[in-house]
Amino acid sequence: MKVRSYHPGDFRGIMDLWTATGLSRPERGDDEAAIERSIALGGELFVLTDEGHGGNITGTSWLTFDGRRLHMHHFGIIPEHQGKGLSAILLKESLRFVKEKGFQVKLEVHRKNETAIRLYKKAGFEYLGDYDIYIIRDIQSIEF
């Protein structure tokens, strides 16, 4: 397994992984342009590849930057490779990038995803507190 930066041409494999893991849905706006924009703004998309099987994409970690902190999302391993310790490899590389950038990192995780919560806590993430997260996905619905 190898962790590397996103390359143009990875998008189809990434979307296959995100669909298989439930990390992407059409209403989220995950497209190639969004990835490339986020990288241009100081983010990174790490891709975990299975070099023994033609370089198939087996994991991703997308770090976006808002000028104040990094946000880690779309962190996942394709289902058939879960439970093999690959998430620790991907997380280590992601946190290396965070440390190199010199900014805090924040993530969201579903409260029932106990495996991910254990991984993140082991890496030093702390529960932020009693916050609920809200979003407007349909920007056309905004009225002034």
C-alpha atoms as a PDB file:
ATOM      1  CA  MET A   1       0.000   0.000   0.000  1.00  0.00           C
ATOM      2  CA  LYS A   2       1.161   3.495  -0.811  1.00  0.00           C
ATOM      3  CA  VAL A   3      -0.157   6.918   0.227  1.00  0.00           C
ATOM      4  CA  ARG A   4       0.251   9.626  -2.385  1.00  0.00           C
ATOM      5  CA  SER A   5      -1.270  12.932  -3.405  1.00  0.00           C
ATOM      6  CA  TYR A   6      -4.253  13.137  -5.737  1.00  0.00           C
ATOM      7  CA  HIS A   7      -3.479  13.082  -9.453  1.00  0.00           C
ATOM      8  CA  PRO A   8      -5.789  14.166 -12.274  1.00  0.00           C
ATOM      9  CA  GLY A   9      -7.319  10.943 -13.508  1.00  0.00           C
ATOM     10  CA  ASP A  10      -7.961   9.581  -9.985  1.00  0.00           C
ATOM     11  CA  PHE A  11     -11.479  10.974  -9.810  1.00  0.00           C
ATOM     12  CA  ARG A  12     -13.386   7.930 -11.113  1.00  0.00           C
ATOM     13  CA  GLY A  13     -11.643   5.583  -8.668  1.00  0.00           C
ATOM     14  CA  ILE A  14     -12.171   8.045  -5.836  1.00  0.00           C
ATOM     15  CA  MET A  15     -15.887   8.327  -6.600  1.00  0.00           C
ATOM     16  CA  ASP A  16     -16.167   4.530  -6.682  1.00  0.00           C
ATOM     17  CA  LEU A  17     -14.628   4.412  -3.197  1.00  0.00           C
ATOM     18  CA  TRP A  18     -16.752   7.296  -1.881  1.00  0.00           C
ATOM     19  CA  THR A  19     -19.912   5.649  -3.234  1.00  0.00           C
ATOM     20  CA  ALA A  20     -18.994   2.263  -1.721  1.00  0.00           C
ATOM     21  CA  THR A  21     -18.313   3.842   1.680  1.00  0.00           C
ATOM     22  CA  GLY A  22     -21.241   6.283   1.654  1.00  0.00           C
ATOM     23  CA  LEU A  23     -18.908   9.292   1.768  1.00  0.00           C
ATOM     24  CA  SER A  24     -20.423  10.940  -1.287  1.00  0.00           C
ATOM     25  CA  ARG A  25     -23.891  11.695  -2.553  1.00  0.00           C
ATOM     26  CA  PRO A  26     -24.833  14.029  -5.420  1.00  0.00           C
ATOM     27  CA  GLU A  27     -26.219  16.715  -3.098  1.00  0.00           C
ATOM     28  CA  ARG A  28     -22.805  17.089  -1.441  1.00  0.00           C
ATOM     29  CA  GLY A  29     -21.253  18.661  -4.534  1.00  0.00           C
ATOM     30  CA  ASP A  30     -18.265  16.340  -4.619  1.00  0.00           C
ATOM     31  CA  ASP A  31     -16.778  16.767  -8.055  1.00  0.00           C
ATOM     32  CA  GLU A  32     -13.371  16.988  -9.659  1.00  0.00           C
ATOM     33  CA  ALA A  33     -13.467  20.789  -9.791  1.00  0.00           C
ATOM     34  CA  ALA A  34     -14.143  20.989  -6.025  1.00  0.00           C
ATOM     35  CA  ILE A  35     -11.185  18.724  -5.323  1.00  0.00           C
ATOM     36  CA  GLU A  36      -8.846  20.742  -7.519  1.00  0.00           C
ATOM     37  CA  ARG A  37     -10.101  24.053  -6.058  1.00  0.00           C
ATOM     38  CA  SER A  38      -9.526  22.850  -2.512  1.00  0.00           C
ATOM     39  CA  ILE A  39      -5.990  21.739  -3.342  1.00  0.00           C
ATOM     40  CA  ALA A  40      -5.249  25.093  -4.986  1.00  0.00           C
ATOM     41  CA  LEU A  41      -6.414  26.807  -1.773  1.00  0.00           C
ATOM     42  CA  GLY A  42      -3.877  24.897   0.333  1.00  0.00           C
ATOM     43  CA  GLY A  43      -5.639  21.606   0.933  1.00  0.00           C
ATOM     44  CA  GLU A  44      -4.639  18.079   0.023  1.00  0.00           C
ATOM     45  CA  LEU A  45      -6.335  14.888  -1.059  1.00  0.00           C
ATOM     46  CA  PHE A  46      -4.388  11.803  -0.082  1.00  0.00           C
ATOM     47  CA  VAL A  47      -5.034   8.583  -1.959  1.00  0.00           C
ATOM     48  CA  LEU A  48      -4.137   5.158  -0.583  1.00  0.00           C
ATOM     49  CA  THR A  49      -3.379   2.776  -3.427  1.00  0.00           C
ATOM     50  CA  ASP A  50      -2.916  -0.970  -3.559  1.00  0.00           C
ATOM     51  CA  GLU A  51       0.305  -1.210  -5.543  1.00  0.00           C
ATOM     52  CA  GLY A  52       0.055  -5.005  -5.627  1.00  0.00           C
ATOM     53  CA  HIS A  53      -3.227  -4.827  -7.534  1.00  0.00           C
ATOM     54  CA  GLY A  54      -2.601  -2.297 -10.279  1.00  0.00           C
ATOM     55  CA  GLY A  55      -2.649   0.747  -8.032  1.00  0.00           C
ATOM     56  CA  ASN A  56      -6.366   0.501  -7.243  1.00  0.00           C
ATOM     57  CA  ILE A  57      -7.584   3.267  -4.935  1.00  0.00           C
ATOM     58  CA  THR A  58      -8.385   1.764  -1.550  1.00  0.00           C
ATOM     59  CA  GLY A  59      -8.589   4.843   0.668  1.00  0.00           C
ATOM     60  CA  THR A  60      -8.834   8.642   0.739  1.00  0.00           C
ATOM     61  CA  SER A  61      -8.301  11.494   3.159  1.00  0.00           C
ATOM     62  CA  TRP A  62      -9.373  14.939   1.960  1.00  0.00           C
ATOM     63  CA  LEU A  63      -8.000  17.918   3.856  1.00  0.00           C
ATOM     64  CA  THR A  64      -9.438  21.311   3.009  1.00  0.00           C
ATOM     65  CA  PHE A  65      -8.124  24.637   4.279  1.00  0.00           C
ATOM     66  CA  ASP A  66     -10.195  27.680   5.190  1.00  0.00           C
ATOM     67  CA  GLY A  67      -7.297  29.975   6.037  1.00  0.00           C
ATOM     68  CA  ARG A  68      -7.663  29.295   9.749  1.00  0.00           C
ATOM     69  CA  ARG A  69      -7.727  25.520  10.147  1.00  0.00           C
ATOM     70  CA  LEU A  70      -7.710  22.322   8.150  1.00  0.00           C
ATOM     71  CA  HIS A  71     -10.816  20.155   7.888  1.00  0.00           C
ATOM     72  CA  MET A  72     -10.401  16.428   7.354  1.00  0.00           C
ATOM     73  CA  HIS A  73     -13.234  14.650   5.616  1.00  0.00           C
ATOM     74  CA  HIS A  74     -13.941  11.912   3.105  1.00  0.00           C
ATOM     75  CA  PHE A  75     -11.609   9.738   5.180  1.00  0.00           C
ATOM     76  CA  GLY A  76     -12.367   6.153   4.322  1.00  0.00           C
ATOM     77  CA  ILE A  77     -11.126   2.750   3.266  1.00  0.00           C
ATOM     78  CA  ILE A  78     -12.958   0.652   0.684  1.00  0.00           C
ATOM     79  CA  PRO A  79     -15.062  -1.967   2.537  1.00  0.00           C
ATOM     80  CA  GLU A  80     -13.127  -5.046   1.421  1.00  0.00           C
ATOM     81  CA  HIS A  81      -9.910  -3.572   2.894  1.00  0.00           C
ATOM     82  CA  GLN A  82     -11.347  -2.310   6.183  1.00  0.00           C
ATOM     83  CA  GLY A  83     -10.072  -3.827   9.417  1.00  0.00           C
ATOM     84  CA  LYS A  84      -6.523  -4.331   8.099  1.00  0.00           C
ATOM     85  CA  GLY A  85      -4.856  -1.348   9.778  1.00  0.00           C
ATOM     86  CA  LEU A  86      -4.814   0.737   6.591  1.00  0.00           C
ATOM     87  CA  SER A  87      -6.660   3.651   8.180  1.00  0.00           C
ATOM     88  CA  ALA A  88      -3.751   4.166  10.590  1.00  0.00           C
ATOM     89  CA  ILE A  89      -1.344   4.456   7.652  1.00  0.00           C
ATOM     90  CA  LEU A  90      -3.587   6.969   5.890  1.00  0.00           C
ATOM     91  CA  LEU A  91      -4.218   8.952   9.077  1.00  0.00           C
ATOM     92  CA  LYS A  92      -0.499   9.136   9.867  1.00  0.00           C
ATOM     93  CA  GLU A  93       0.215  10.705   6.478  1.00  0.00           C
ATOM     94  CA  SER A  94      -2.733  13.078   6.861  1.00  0.00           C
ATOM     95  CA  LEU A  95      -1.501  14.249  10.261  1.00  0.00           C
ATOM     96  CA  ARG A  96       2.027  14.653   8.926  1.00  0.00           C
ATOM     97  CA  PHE A  97       0.562  17.119   6.410  1.00  0.00           C
ATOM     98  CA  VAL A  98      -1.374  18.894   9.175  1.00  0.00           C
ATOM     99  CA  LYS A  99       1.756  19.307  11.281  1.00  0.00           C
ATOM    100  CA  GLU A 100       3.718  20.530   8.277  1.00  0.00           C
ATOM    101  CA  LYS A 101       1.026  23.138   7.484  1.00  0.00           C
ATOM    102  CA  GLY A 102       1.009  24.287  11.112  1.00  0.00           C
ATOM    103  CA  PHE A 103      -2.754  24.669  11.555  1.00  0.00           C
ATOM    104  CA  GLN A 104      -5.357  22.963  13.736  1.00  0.00           C
ATOM    105  CA  VAL A 105      -7.340  20.153  12.185  1.00  0.00           C
ATOM    106  CA  LYS A 106     -11.036  19.470  12.691  1.00  0.00           C
ATOM    107  CA  LEU A 107     -13.214  16.591  11.552  1.00  0.00           C
ATOM    108  CA  GLU A 108     -16.758  15.358  11.759  1.00  0.00           C
ATOM    109  CA  VAL A 109     -17.591  11.750  12.489  1.00  0.00           C
ATOM    110  CA  HIS A 110     -20.964  10.070  12.871  1.00  0.00           C
ATOM    111  CA  ARG A 111     -21.563   9.389  16.555  1.00  0.00           C
ATOM    112  CA  LYS A 112     -22.315   5.712  15.822  1.00  0.00           C
ATOM    113  CA  ASN A 113     -19.045   5.154  13.939  1.00  0.00           C
ATOM    114  CA  GLU A 114     -17.231   3.741  16.965  1.00  0.00           C
ATOM    115  CA  THR A 115     -14.330   2.321  14.941  1.00  0.00           C
ATOM    116  CA  ALA A 116     -13.493   5.726  13.485  1.00  0.00           C
ATOM    117  CA  ILE A 117     -13.941   7.458  16.834  1.00  0.00           C
ATOM    118  CA  ARG A 118     -11.431   5.072  18.447  1.00  0.00           C
ATOM    119  CA  LEU A 119      -8.953   5.714  15.602  1.00  0.00           C
ATOM    120  CA  TYR A 120      -9.280   9.489  15.892  1.00  0.00           C
ATOM    121  CA  LYS A 121      -9.048   9.532  19.701  1.00  0.00           C
ATOM    122  CA  LYS A 122      -5.975   7.317  19.581  1.00  0.00           C
ATOM    123  CA  ALA A 123      -4.399   9.855  17.212  1.00  0.00           C
ATOM    124  CA  GLY A 124      -5.094  12.694  19.659  1.00  0.00           C
ATOM    125  CA  PHE A 125      -8.403  14.133  18.456  1.00  0.00           C
ATOM    126  CA  GLU A 126     -10.655  15.358  21.256  1.00  0.00           C
ATOM    127  CA  TYR A 127     -14.424  15.691  21.327  1.00  0.00           C
ATOM    128  CA  LEU A 128     -15.208  19.363  20.641  1.00  0.00           C
ATOM    129  CA  GLY A 129     -18.288  19.589  22.795  1.00  0.00           C
ATOM    130  CA  ASP A 130     -22.000  19.860  22.572  1.00  0.00           C
ATOM    131  CA  TYR A 131     -22.243  21.174  19.032  1.00  0.00           C
ATOM    132  CA  ASP A 132     -24.794  20.175  16.449  1.00  0.00           C
ATOM    133  CA  ILE A 133     -23.898  20.706  12.816  1.00  0.00           C
ATOM    134  CA  TYR A 134     -26.252  22.408  10.372  1.00  0.00           C
ATOM    135  CA  ILE A 135     -25.935  22.892   6.618  1.00  0.00           C
ATOM    136  CA  ILE A 136     -27.788  24.430   3.704  1.00  0.00           C
ATOM    137  CA  ARG A 137     -27.173  22.207   0.696  1.00  0.00           C
ATOM    138  CA  ASP A 138     -29.743  23.762  -1.634  1.00  0.00           C
ATOM    139  CA  ILE A 139     -28.420  27.302  -1.956  1.00  0.00           C
ATOM    140  CA  GLN A 140     -31.311  28.183  -4.292  1.00  0.00           C
ATOM    141  CA  SER A 141     -33.626  27.882  -1.294  1.00  0.00           C
ATOM    142  CA  ILE A 142     -31.941  30.801   0.493  1.00  0.00           C
ATOM    143  CA  GLU A 143     -34.260  33.782   0.790  1.00  0.00           C
ATOM    144  CA  PHE A 144     -33.253  37.271   1.898  1.00  0.00           C
END
